[in-house]
Amino acid sequence: LFGSEPDGKLHVYFFDVGQGDAALIVSPKGTTVLVDAGPQS
């Protein structure tokens, strides 16, 4: 994503956290935003 092979694309990962919510945004420039962090489990 950001090292020797940047792809210049926007990535969003919707994680499988069970009954809850967590997603990671990674911009083409490498800026990262975590949207929610799921349950304790």
PDB file of all heavy atoms in Angstrom:
ATOM      1  N   LEU A   1       0.812  -1.214   0.000  1.00  0.00           N
ATOM      2  CA  LEU A   1       0.000   0.000   0.000  1.00  0.00           C
ATOM      3  C   LEU A   1       0.849   1.269   0.000  1.00  0.00           C
ATOM      4  O   LEU A   1       0.605   2.194  -0.753  1.00  0.00           O
ATOM      5  CB  LEU A   1      -0.917   0.010   1.228  1.00  0.00           C
ATOM      6  CG  LEU A   1      -2.063  -1.008   1.202  1.00  0.00           C
ATOM      7  CD1 LEU A   1      -2.781  -0.984   2.533  1.00  0.00           C
ATOM      8  CD2 LEU A   1      -3.023  -0.705   0.080  1.00  0.00           C
ATOM      9  N   PHE A   2       1.862   1.338   0.868  1.00  0.00           N
ATOM     10  CA  PHE A   2       2.576   2.597   1.027  1.00  0.00           C
ATOM     11  C   PHE A   2       4.087   2.478   0.883  1.00  0.00           C
ATOM     12  O   PHE A   2       4.783   3.458   0.965  1.00  0.00           O
ATOM     13  CB  PHE A   2       2.324   3.214   2.414  1.00  0.00           C
ATOM     14  CG  PHE A   2       1.013   2.869   3.003  1.00  0.00           C
ATOM     15  CD1 PHE A   2       0.925   2.133   4.163  1.00  0.00           C
ATOM     16  CD2 PHE A   2      -0.149   3.284   2.395  1.00  0.00           C
ATOM     17  CE1 PHE A   2      -0.305   1.819   4.705  1.00  0.00           C
ATOM     18  CE2 PHE A   2      -1.371   2.968   2.945  1.00  0.00           C
ATOM     19  CZ  PHE A   2      -1.445   2.237   4.095  1.00  0.00           C
ATOM     20  N   GLY A   3       4.600   1.288   0.732  1.00  0.00           N
ATOM     21  CA  GLY A   3       6.037   1.142   0.699  1.00  0.00           C
ATOM     22  C   GLY A   3       6.564   1.153  -0.706  1.00  0.00           C
ATOM     23  O   GLY A   3       6.420   2.106  -1.460  1.00  0.00           O
ATOM     24  N   SER A   4       7.188   0.052  -1.107  1.00  0.00           N
ATOM     25  CA  SER A   4       7.833   0.005  -2.418  1.00  0.00           C
ATOM     26  C   SER A   4       6.829  -0.146  -3.549  1.00  0.00           C
ATOM     27  O   SER A   4       7.160   0.068  -4.703  1.00  0.00           O
ATOM     28  CB  SER A   4       8.831  -1.155  -2.455  1.00  0.00           C
ATOM     29  OG  SER A   4       8.173  -2.380  -2.159  1.00  0.00           O
ATOM     30  N   GLU A   5       5.590  -0.524  -3.242  1.00  0.00           N
ATOM     31  CA  GLU A   5       4.608  -0.762  -4.299  1.00  0.00           C
ATOM     32  C   GLU A   5       3.289  -0.044  -4.009  1.00  0.00           C
ATOM     33  O   GLU A   5       2.253  -0.675  -3.885  1.00  0.00           O
ATOM     34  CB  GLU A   5       4.344  -2.261  -4.444  1.00  0.00           C
ATOM     35  CG  GLU A   5       5.576  -3.093  -4.753  1.00  0.00           C
ATOM     36  CD  GLU A   5       5.238  -4.575  -4.768  1.00  0.00           C
ATOM     37  OE1 GLU A   5       4.257  -4.950  -5.432  1.00  0.00           O
ATOM     38  OE2 GLU A   5       5.944  -5.339  -4.118  1.00  0.00           O
ATOM     39  N   PRO A   6       3.252   1.278  -3.893  1.00  0.00           N
ATOM     40  CA  PRO A   6       1.986   1.969  -3.647  1.00  0.00           C
ATOM     41  C   PRO A   6       1.060   1.826  -4.844  1.00  0.00           C
ATOM     42  O   PRO A   6       1.511   1.859  -5.988  1.00  0.00           O
ATOM     43  CB  PRO A   6       2.417   3.426  -3.441  1.00  0.00           C
ATOM     44  CG  PRO A   6       3.708   3.533  -4.173  1.00  0.00           C
ATOM     45  CD  PRO A   6       4.381   2.211  -4.039  1.00  0.00           C
ATOM     46  N   ASP A   7      -0.231   1.641  -4.579  1.00  0.00           N
ATOM     47  CA  ASP A   7      -1.160   1.447  -5.696  1.00  0.00           C
ATOM     48  C   ASP A   7      -2.022   2.665  -5.970  1.00  0.00           C
ATOM     49  O   ASP A   7      -2.836   2.669  -6.888  1.00  0.00           O
ATOM     50  CB  ASP A   7      -2.044   0.222  -5.463  1.00  0.00           C
ATOM     51  CG  ASP A   7      -2.924   0.360  -4.231  1.00  0.00           C
ATOM     52  OD1 ASP A   7      -2.885   1.429  -3.590  1.00  0.00           O
ATOM     53  OD2 ASP A   7      -3.640  -0.601  -3.902  1.00  0.00           O
ATOM     54  N   GLY A   8      -1.886   3.736  -5.158  1.00  0.00           N
ATOM     55  CA  GLY A   8      -2.619   4.973  -5.435  1.00  0.00           C
ATOM     56  C   GLY A   8      -4.116   4.842  -5.331  1.00  0.00           C
ATOM     57  O   GLY A   8      -4.860   5.589  -5.966  1.00  0.00           O
ATOM     58  N   LYS A   9      -4.587   3.909  -4.523  1.00  0.00           N
ATOM     59  CA  LYS A   9      -6.025   3.682  -4.403  1.00  0.00           C
ATOM     60  C   LYS A   9      -6.496   3.854  -2.963  1.00  0.00           C
ATOM     61  O   LYS A   9      -5.699   3.803  -2.020  1.00  0.00           O
ATOM     62  CB  LYS A   9      -6.378   2.269  -4.905  1.00  0.00           C
ATOM     63  CG  LYS A   9      -6.092   2.069  -6.390  1.00  0.00           C
ATOM     64  CD  LYS A   9      -6.421   0.653  -6.830  1.00  0.00           C
ATOM     65  CE  LYS A   9      -6.115   0.465  -8.318  1.00  0.00           C
ATOM     66  NZ  LYS A   9      -6.383  -0.908  -8.773  1.00  0.00           N
ATOM     67  N   LEU A  10      -7.779   4.063  -2.818  1.00  0.00           N
ATOM     68  CA  LEU A  10      -8.414   4.157  -1.510  1.00  0.00           C
ATOM     69  C   LEU A  10      -8.846   2.759  -1.077  1.00  0.00           C
ATOM     70  O   LEU A  10      -9.481   2.039  -1.840  1.00  0.00           O
ATOM     71  CB  LEU A  10      -9.635   5.079  -1.591  1.00  0.00           C
ATOM     72  CG  LEU A  10     -10.553   5.123  -0.363  1.00  0.00           C
ATOM     73  CD1 LEU A  10      -9.835   5.759   0.825  1.00  0.00           C
ATOM     74  CD2 LEU A  10     -11.828   5.895  -0.693  1.00  0.00           C
ATOM     75  N   HIS A  11      -8.506   2.387   0.149  1.00  0.00           N
ATOM     76  CA  HIS A  11      -8.860   1.073   0.680  1.00  0.00           C
ATOM     77  C   HIS A  11      -9.738   1.236   1.915  1.00  0.00           C
ATOM     78  O   HIS A  11      -9.456   2.079   2.770  1.00  0.00           O
ATOM     79  CB  HIS A  11      -7.611   0.278   1.064  1.00  0.00           C
ATOM     80  CG  HIS A  11      -6.739  -0.082  -0.097  1.00  0.00           C
ATOM     81  ND1 HIS A  11      -6.614  -1.375  -0.569  1.00  0.00           N
ATOM     82  CD2 HIS A  11      -5.950   0.678  -0.896  1.00  0.00           C
ATOM     83  CE1 HIS A  11      -5.783  -1.389  -1.598  1.00  0.00           C
ATOM     84  NE2 HIS A  11      -5.364  -0.152  -1.816  1.00  0.00           N
ATOM     85  N   VAL A  12     -10.783   0.426   2.020  1.00  0.00           N
ATOM     86  CA  VAL A  12     -11.619   0.377   3.220  1.00  0.00           C
ATOM     87  C   VAL A  12     -11.783  -1.095   3.600  1.00  0.00           C
ATOM     88  O   VAL A  12     -12.172  -1.914   2.767  1.00  0.00           O
ATOM     89  CB  VAL A  12     -13.006   1.022   3.003  1.00  0.00           C
ATOM     90  CG1 VAL A  12     -13.771   1.047   4.320  1.00  0.00           C
ATOM     91  CG2 VAL A  12     -12.874   2.430   2.434  1.00  0.00           C
ATOM     92  N   TYR A  13     -11.489  -1.404   4.854  1.00  0.00           N
ATOM     93  CA  TYR A  13     -11.601  -2.773   5.358  1.00  0.00           C
ATOM     94  C   TYR A  13     -12.719  -2.808   6.394  1.00  0.00           C
ATOM     95  O   TYR A  13     -12.636  -2.145   7.429  1.00  0.00           O
ATOM     96  CB  TYR A  13     -10.296  -3.217   6.015  1.00  0.00           C
ATOM     97  CG  TYR A  13      -9.095  -3.185   5.103  1.00  0.00           C
ATOM     98  CD1 TYR A  13      -8.397  -1.993   4.892  1.00  0.00           C
ATOM     99  CD2 TYR A  13      -8.653  -4.329   4.450  1.00  0.00           C
ATOM    100  CE1 TYR A  13      -7.293  -1.942   4.053  1.00  0.00           C
ATOM    101  CE2 TYR A  13      -7.544  -4.293   3.607  1.00  0.00           C
ATOM    102  CZ  TYR A  13      -6.875  -3.098   3.411  1.00  0.00           C
ATOM    103  OH  TYR A  13      -5.783  -3.057   2.582  1.00  0.00           O
ATOM    104  N   PHE A  14     -13.772  -3.564   6.124  1.00  0.00           N
ATOM    105  CA  PHE A  14     -14.849  -3.762   7.083  1.00  0.00           C
ATOM    106  C   PHE A  14     -14.556  -5.079   7.802  1.00  0.00           C
ATOM    107  O   PHE A  14     -14.731  -6.161   7.246  1.00  0.00           O
ATOM    108  CB  PHE A  14     -16.207  -3.803   6.383  1.00  0.00           C
ATOM    109  CG  PHE A  14     -16.569  -2.496   5.719  1.00  0.00           C
ATOM    110  CD1 PHE A  14     -16.356  -2.309   4.354  1.00  0.00           C
ATOM    111  CD2 PHE A  14     -17.108  -1.452   6.449  1.00  0.00           C
ATOM    112  CE1 PHE A  14     -16.672  -1.113   3.734  1.00  0.00           C
ATOM    113  CE2 PHE A  14     -17.432  -0.246   5.839  1.00  0.00           C
ATOM    114  CZ  PHE A  14     -17.214  -0.074   4.488  1.00  0.00           C
ATOM    115  N   PHE A  15     -14.097  -4.977   9.041  1.00  0.00           N
ATOM    116  CA  PHE A  15     -13.621  -6.157   9.755  1.00  0.00           C
ATOM    117  C   PHE A  15     -14.766  -7.015  10.266  1.00  0.00           C
ATOM    118  O   PHE A  15     -15.843  -6.515  10.602  1.00  0.00           O
ATOM    119  CB  PHE A  15     -12.739  -5.731  10.934  1.00  0.00           C
ATOM    120  CG  PHE A  15     -11.504  -4.975  10.532  1.00  0.00           C
ATOM    121  CD1 PHE A  15     -11.273  -3.691  11.001  1.00  0.00           C
ATOM    122  CD2 PHE A  15     -10.582  -5.543   9.663  1.00  0.00           C
ATOM    123  CE1 PHE A  15     -10.130  -2.987  10.638  1.00  0.00           C
ATOM    124  CE2 PHE A  15      -9.438  -4.844   9.288  1.00  0.00           C
ATOM    125  CZ  PHE A  15      -9.217  -3.569   9.772  1.00  0.00           C
ATOM    126  N   ASP A  16     -14.507  -8.311  10.341  1.00  0.00           N
ATOM    127  CA  ASP A  16     -15.462  -9.259  10.924  1.00  0.00           C
ATOM    128  C   ASP A  16     -15.202  -9.299  12.425  1.00  0.00           C
ATOM    129  O   ASP A  16     -14.304 -10.002  12.892  1.00  0.00           O
ATOM    130  CB  ASP A  16     -15.266 -10.638  10.290  1.00  0.00           C
ATOM    131  CG  ASP A  16     -16.242 -11.677  10.836  1.00  0.00           C
ATOM    132  OD1 ASP A  16     -17.162 -11.290  11.592  1.00  0.00           O
ATOM    133  OD2 ASP A  16     -16.075 -12.869  10.515  1.00  0.00           O
ATOM    134  N   VAL A  17     -15.986  -8.518  13.184  1.00  0.00           N
ATOM    135  CA  VAL A  17     -15.777  -8.419  14.629  1.00  0.00           C
ATOM    136  C   VAL A  17     -16.959  -8.983  15.404  1.00  0.00           C
ATOM    137  O   VAL A  17     -17.140  -8.664  16.585  1.00  0.00           O
ATOM    138  CB  VAL A  17     -15.529  -6.951  15.046  1.00  0.00           C
ATOM    139  CG1 VAL A  17     -14.200  -6.463  14.497  1.00  0.00           C
ATOM    140  CG2 VAL A  17     -16.665  -6.042  14.595  1.00  0.00           C
ATOM    141  N   GLY A  18     -17.762  -9.838  14.775  1.00  0.00           N
ATOM    142  CA  GLY A  18     -18.950 -10.342  15.446  1.00  0.00           C
ATOM    143  C   GLY A  18     -20.023  -9.279  15.496  1.00  0.00           C
ATOM    144  O   GLY A  18     -20.149  -8.457  14.586  1.00  0.00           O
ATOM    145  N   GLN A  19     -20.812  -9.272  16.585  1.00  0.00           N
ATOM    146  CA  GLN A  19     -21.882  -8.297  16.706  1.00  0.00           C
ATOM    147  C   GLN A  19     -21.304  -6.958  17.159  1.00  0.00           C
ATOM    148  O   GLN A  19     -21.208  -6.660  18.339  1.00  0.00           O
ATOM    149  CB  GLN A  19     -22.951  -8.785  17.689  1.00  0.00           C
ATOM    150  CG  GLN A  19     -24.173  -7.879  17.777  1.00  0.00           C
ATOM    151  CD  GLN A  19     -24.850  -7.665  16.425  1.00  0.00           C
ATOM    152  OE1 GLN A  19     -24.820  -8.546  15.570  1.00  0.00           O
ATOM    153  NE2 GLN A  19     -25.461  -6.511  16.224  1.00  0.00           N
ATOM    154  N   GLY A  20     -20.902  -6.168  16.202  1.00  0.00           N
ATOM    155  CA  GLY A  20     -20.280  -4.876  16.474  1.00  0.00           C
ATOM    156  C   GLY A  20     -19.870  -4.229  15.172  1.00  0.00           C
ATOM    157  O   GLY A  20     -20.309  -4.648  14.098  1.00  0.00           O
ATOM    158  N   ASP A  21     -19.028  -3.203  15.263  1.00  0.00           N
ATOM    159  CA  ASP A  21     -18.601  -2.457  14.086  1.00  0.00           C
ATOM    160  C   ASP A  21     -17.147  -2.071  14.206  1.00  0.00           C
ATOM    161  O   ASP A  21     -16.711  -1.588  15.260  1.00  0.00           O
ATOM    162  CB  ASP A  21     -19.433  -1.176  13.937  1.00  0.00           C
ATOM    163  CG  ASP A  21     -20.430  -1.262  12.794  1.00  0.00           C
ATOM    164  OD1 ASP A  21     -19.985  -1.575  11.676  1.00  0.00           O
ATOM    165  OD2 ASP A  21     -21.618  -1.017  13.019  1.00  0.00           O
ATOM    166  N   ALA A  22     -16.405  -2.231  13.121  1.00  0.00           N
ATOM    167  CA  ALA A  22     -15.031  -1.734  13.034  1.00  0.00           C
ATOM    168  C   ALA A  22     -14.624  -1.716  11.573  1.00  0.00           C
ATOM    169  O   ALA A  22     -14.821  -2.704  10.859  1.00  0.00           O
ATOM    170  CB  ALA A  22     -14.066  -2.600  13.843  1.00  0.00           C
ATOM    171  N   ALA A  23     -14.076  -0.597  11.127  1.00  0.00           N
ATOM    172  CA  ALA A  23     -13.631  -0.470   9.738  1.00  0.00           C
ATOM    173  C   ALA A  23     -12.383   0.399   9.699  1.00  0.00           C
ATOM    174  O   ALA A  23     -12.250   1.336  10.499  1.00  0.00           O
ATOM    175  CB  ALA A  23     -14.727   0.135   8.864  1.00  0.00           C
ATOM    176  N   LEU A  24     -11.494   0.123   8.771  1.00  0.00           N
ATOM    177  CA  LEU A  24     -10.273   0.897   8.601  1.00  0.00           C
ATOM    178  C   LEU A  24     -10.262   1.533   7.223  1.00  0.00           C
ATOM    179  O   LEU A  24     -10.443   0.852   6.213  1.00  0.00           O
ATOM    180  CB  LEU A  24      -9.039   0.009   8.763  1.00  0.00           C
ATOM    181  CG  LEU A  24      -7.682   0.693   8.512  1.00  0.00           C
ATOM    182  CD1 LEU A  24      -7.394   1.724   9.600  1.00  0.00           C
ATOM    183  CD2 LEU A  24      -6.565  -0.334   8.422  1.00  0.00           C
ATOM    184  N   ILE A  25     -10.038   2.849   7.180  1.00  0.00           N
ATOM    185  CA  ILE A  25      -9.876   3.597   5.933  1.00  0.00           C
ATOM    186  C   ILE A  25      -8.389   3.869   5.733  1.00  0.00           C
ATOM    187  O   ILE A  25      -7.719   4.345   6.652  1.00  0.00           O
ATOM    188  CB  ILE A  25     -10.647   4.928   5.984  1.00  0.00           C
ATOM    189  CG1 ILE A  25     -12.146   4.690   6.176  1.00  0.00           C
ATOM    190  CG2 ILE A  25     -10.388   5.762   4.734  1.00  0.00           C
ATOM    191  CD1 ILE A  25     -12.926   5.949   6.537  1.00  0.00           C
ATOM    192  N   VAL A  26      -7.883   3.561   4.546  1.00  0.00           N
ATOM    193  CA  VAL A  26      -6.486   3.856   4.210  1.00  0.00           C
ATOM    194  C   VAL A  26      -6.493   4.637   2.902  1.00  0.00           C
ATOM    195  O   VAL A  26      -6.888   4.114   1.854  1.00  0.00           O
ATOM    196  CB  VAL A  26      -5.647   2.569   4.056  1.00  0.00           C
ATOM    197  CG1 VAL A  26      -4.184   2.933   3.795  1.00  0.00           C
ATOM    198  CG2 VAL A  26      -5.761   1.690   5.287  1.00  0.00           C
ATOM    199  N   SER A  27      -6.086   5.895   2.952  1.00  0.00           N
ATOM    200  CA  SER A  27      -6.103   6.740   1.761  1.00  0.00           C
ATOM    201  C   SER A  27      -4.937   6.384   0.846  1.00  0.00           C
ATOM    202  O   SER A  27      -3.979   5.735   1.274  1.00  0.00           O
ATOM    203  CB  SER A  27      -6.018   8.214   2.158  1.00  0.00           C
ATOM    204  OG  SER A  27      -4.682   8.565   2.468  1.00  0.00           O
ATOM    205  N   PRO A  28      -4.981   6.812  -0.423  1.00  0.00           N
ATOM    206  CA  PRO A  28      -3.855   6.548  -1.329  1.00  0.00           C
ATOM    207  C   PRO A  28      -2.532   7.092  -0.803  1.00  0.00           C
ATOM    208  O   PRO A  28      -1.468   6.565  -1.111  1.00  0.00           O
ATOM    209  CB  PRO A  28      -4.270   7.255  -2.622  1.00  0.00           C
ATOM    210  CG  PRO A  28      -5.757   7.323  -2.561  1.00  0.00           C
ATOM    211  CD  PRO A  28      -6.092   7.491  -1.118  1.00  0.00           C
ATOM    212  N   LYS A  29      -2.623   8.128   0.010  1.00  0.00           N
ATOM    213  CA  LYS A  29      -1.422   8.745   0.560  1.00  0.00           C
ATOM    214  C   LYS A  29      -0.937   8.051   1.827  1.00  0.00           C
ATOM    215  O   LYS A  29       0.138   8.336   2.338  1.00  0.00           O
ATOM    216  CB  LYS A  29      -1.719  10.221   0.857  1.00  0.00           C
ATOM    217  CG  LYS A  29      -0.500  11.083   1.065  1.00  0.00           C
ATOM    218  CD  LYS A  29      -0.926  12.539   1.171  1.00  0.00           C
ATOM    219  CE  LYS A  29       0.302  13.447   1.295  1.00  0.00           C
ATOM    220  NZ  LYS A  29      -0.092  14.864   1.323  1.00  0.00           N
ATOM    221  N   GLY A  30      -1.755   7.119   2.360  1.00  0.00           N
ATOM    222  CA  GLY A  30      -1.373   6.386   3.560  1.00  0.00           C
ATOM    223  C   GLY A  30      -1.978   6.909   4.836  1.00  0.00           C
ATOM    224  O   GLY A  30      -1.667   6.406   5.919  1.00  0.00           O
ATOM    225  N   THR A  31      -2.865   7.909   4.762  1.00  0.00           N
ATOM    226  CA  THR A  31      -3.564   8.387   5.952  1.00  0.00           C
ATOM    227  C   THR A  31      -4.556   7.326   6.403  1.00  0.00           C
ATOM    228  O   THR A  31      -5.267   6.743   5.576  1.00  0.00           O
ATOM    229  CB  THR A  31      -4.303   9.700   5.649  1.00  0.00           C
ATOM    230  OG1 THR A  31      -3.372  10.657   5.148  1.00  0.00           O
ATOM    231  CG2 THR A  31      -4.972  10.249   6.894  1.00  0.00           C
ATOM    232  N   THR A  32      -4.603   7.072   7.713  1.00  0.00           N
ATOM    233  CA  THR A  32      -5.443   5.980   8.219  1.00  0.00           C
ATOM    234  C   THR A  32      -6.479   6.493   9.209  1.00  0.00           C
ATOM    235  O   THR A  32      -6.183   7.347  10.051  1.00  0.00           O
ATOM    236  CB  THR A  32      -4.582   4.903   8.903  1.00  0.00           C
ATOM    237  OG1 THR A  32      -3.795   5.509   9.949  1.00  0.00           O
ATOM    238  CG2 THR A  32      -3.652   4.237   7.902  1.00  0.00           C
ATOM    239  N   VAL A  33      -7.703   5.962   9.092  1.00  0.00           N
ATOM    240  CA  VAL A  33      -8.802   6.310   9.987  1.00  0.00           C
ATOM    241  C   VAL A  33      -9.493   5.012  10.406  1.00  0.00           C
ATOM    242  O   VAL A  33      -9.946   4.249   9.550  1.00  0.00           O
ATOM    243  CB  VAL A  33      -9.831   7.237   9.301  1.00  0.00           C
ATOM    244  CG1 VAL A  33     -10.950   7.596  10.276  1.00  0.00           C
ATOM    245  CG2 VAL A  33      -9.158   8.482   8.754  1.00  0.00           C
ATOM    246  N   LEU A  34      -9.564   4.774  11.706  1.00  0.00           N
ATOM    247  CA  LEU A  34     -10.305   3.624  12.223  1.00  0.00           C
ATOM    248  C   LEU A  34     -11.684   4.098  12.633  1.00  0.00           C
ATOM    249  O   LEU A  34     -11.816   5.002  13.468  1.00  0.00           O
ATOM    250  CB  LEU A  34      -9.585   3.011  13.425  1.00  0.00           C
ATOM    251  CG  LEU A  34     -10.254   1.780  14.049  1.00  0.00           C
ATOM    252  CD1 LEU A  34     -10.211   0.594  13.094  1.00  0.00           C
ATOM    253  CD2 LEU A  34      -9.606   1.422  15.382  1.00  0.00           C
ATOM    254  N   VAL A  35     -12.721   3.528  12.036  1.00  0.00           N
ATOM    255  CA  VAL A  35     -14.104   3.893  12.358  1.00  0.00           C
ATOM    256  C   VAL A  35     -14.672   2.815  13.264  1.00  0.00           C
ATOM    257  O   VAL A  35     -14.961   1.694  12.817  1.00  0.00           O
ATOM    258  CB  VAL A  35     -14.958   4.036  11.085  1.00  0.00           C
ATOM    259  CG1 VAL A  35     -16.366   4.492  11.449  1.00  0.00           C
ATOM    260  CG2 VAL A  35     -14.319   5.006  10.104  1.00  0.00           C
ATOM    261  N   ASP A  36     -14.774   3.125  14.549  1.00  0.00           N
ATOM    262  CA  ASP A  36     -15.223   2.192  15.578  1.00  0.00           C
ATOM    263  C   ASP A  36     -14.204   1.068  15.780  1.00  0.00           C
ATOM    264  O   ASP A  36     -13.333   0.842  14.937  1.00  0.00           O
ATOM    265  CB  ASP A  36     -16.612   1.644  15.274  1.00  0.00           C
ATOM    266  CG  ASP A  36     -17.698   2.704  15.415  1.00  0.00           C
ATOM    267  OD1 ASP A  36     -17.555   3.573  16.308  1.00  0.00           O
ATOM    268  OD2 ASP A  36     -18.670   2.691  14.635  1.00  0.00           O
ATOM    269  N   ALA A  37     -14.339   0.389  16.928  1.00  0.00           N
ATOM    270  CA  ALA A  37     -13.323  -0.598  17.286  1.00  0.00           C
ATOM    271  C   ALA A  37     -13.912  -1.898  17.798  1.00  0.00           C
ATOM    272  O   ALA A  37     -13.235  -2.649  18.504  1.00  0.00           O
ATOM    273  CB  ALA A  37     -12.377  -0.009  18.336  1.00  0.00           C
ATOM    274  N   GLY A  38     -15.175  -2.182  17.451  1.00  0.00           N
ATOM    275  CA  GLY A  38     -15.745  -3.479  17.770  1.00  0.00           C
ATOM    276  C   GLY A  38     -15.925  -3.735  19.256  1.00  0.00           C
ATOM    277  O   GLY A  38     -15.529  -2.927  20.102  1.00  0.00           O
ATOM    278  N   PRO A  39     -16.511  -4.877  19.606  1.00  0.00           N
ATOM    279  CA  PRO A  39     -16.696  -5.244  21.012  1.00  0.00           C
ATOM    280  C   PRO A  39     -15.398  -5.761  21.629  1.00  0.00           C
ATOM    281  O   PRO A  39     -14.429  -6.041  20.923  1.00  0.00           O
ATOM    282  CB  PRO A  39     -17.753  -6.350  20.929  1.00  0.00           C
ATOM    283  CG  PRO A  39     -17.505  -6.992  19.599  1.00  0.00           C
ATOM    284  CD  PRO A  39     -17.056  -5.885  18.681  1.00  0.00           C
ATOM    285  N   GLN A  40     -15.395  -5.914  22.941  1.00  0.00           N
ATOM    286  CA  GLN A  40     -14.218  -6.426  23.636  1.00  0.00           C
ATOM    287  C   GLN A  40     -13.801  -7.788  23.107  1.00  0.00           C
ATOM    288  O   GLN A  40     -12.613  -8.101  23.015  1.00  0.00           O
ATOM    289  CB  GLN A  40     -14.509  -6.503  25.139  1.00  0.00           C
ATOM    290  CG  GLN A  40     -13.401  -7.147  25.969  1.00  0.00           C
ATOM    291  CD  GLN A  40     -12.069  -6.432  25.835  1.00  0.00           C
ATOM    292  OE1 GLN A  40     -12.047  -5.207  25.779  1.00  0.00           O
ATOM    293  NE2 GLN A  40     -10.972  -7.172  25.781  1.00  0.00           N
ATOM    294  N   SER A  41     -14.783  -8.599  22.709  1.00  0.00           N
ATOM    295  CA  SER A  41     -14.477  -9.941  22.214  1.00  0.00           C
ATOM    296  C   SER A  41     -13.674  -9.937  20.920  1.00  0.00           C
ATOM    297  O   SER A  41     -13.095 -10.957  20.534  1.00  0.00           O
ATOM    298  CB  SER A  41     -15.779 -10.727  22.000  1.00  0.00           C
ATOM    299  OG  SER A  41     -16.625 -10.040  21.081  1.00  0.00           O
TER     300      SER A  41
END
